[in-house]
C-alpha cells in the first residue's frame, strides 16, 4: 500500500491482510482446529 501511495504521490496504508499461500501451502487445504 505504501509503495502504491508513493507512486501516486499520496499516503497509503493497509487496513487488512489475508495470507492465502505460504510456499506450497494454500488456505484451501488448511484444517480448522476446534479448541
Protein backbone atom coordinates (compact mmCIF):
# COMPACT_ATOMS: atom_id res chain seq x y z
CA UNK A 1 0.00 0.00 0.00
CA UNK A 2 2.82 2.40 0.87
CA UNK A 3 4.56 1.75 -2.45
CA UNK A 4 1.38 2.46 -4.41
CA UNK A 5 0.80 5.65 -2.38
CA UNK A 6 4.37 6.74 -3.05
CA UNK A 7 3.91 6.23 -6.80
CA UNK A 8 0.69 8.25 -6.76
CA UNK A 9 2.16 10.97 -4.55
CA UNK A 10 -0.36 10.37 -1.76
CA UNK A 11 -0.42 8.49 1.55
CA UNK A 12 -1.35 4.85 1.67
CA UNK A 13 -1.94 2.21 4.32
CA UNK A 14 -3.11 -1.38 4.56
CA UNK A 15 -6.27 -1.96 6.60
CA UNK A 16 -6.39 -5.76 6.26
CA UNK A 17 -4.10 -8.54 5.07
CA UNK A 18 -5.04 -12.16 4.46
CA UNK A 19 -2.26 -14.60 3.63
CA UNK A 20 -3.63 -17.18 1.17
CA UNK A 21 -0.39 -19.03 0.40
CA UNK A 22 2.85 -19.80 2.22
CA UNK A 23 5.23 -21.72 -0.01
CA UNK A 24 3.44 -24.88 -1.12
CA UNK A 25 0.65 -24.48 1.47
CA UNK A 26 -2.63 -22.85 0.42
CA UNK A 27 -5.52 -21.60 2.53
CA UNK A 28 -7.99 -24.03 0.95
CA UNK A 29 -6.00 -27.00 2.31
CA UNK A 30 -5.93 -25.68 5.89
CA UNK A 31 -7.63 -27.61 8.69
CA UNK A 32 -9.72 -25.66 11.20
CA UNK A 33 -8.91 -26.58 14.80
CA UNK A 34 -11.77 -26.99 17.29
CA UNK A 35 -10.32 -25.83 20.59
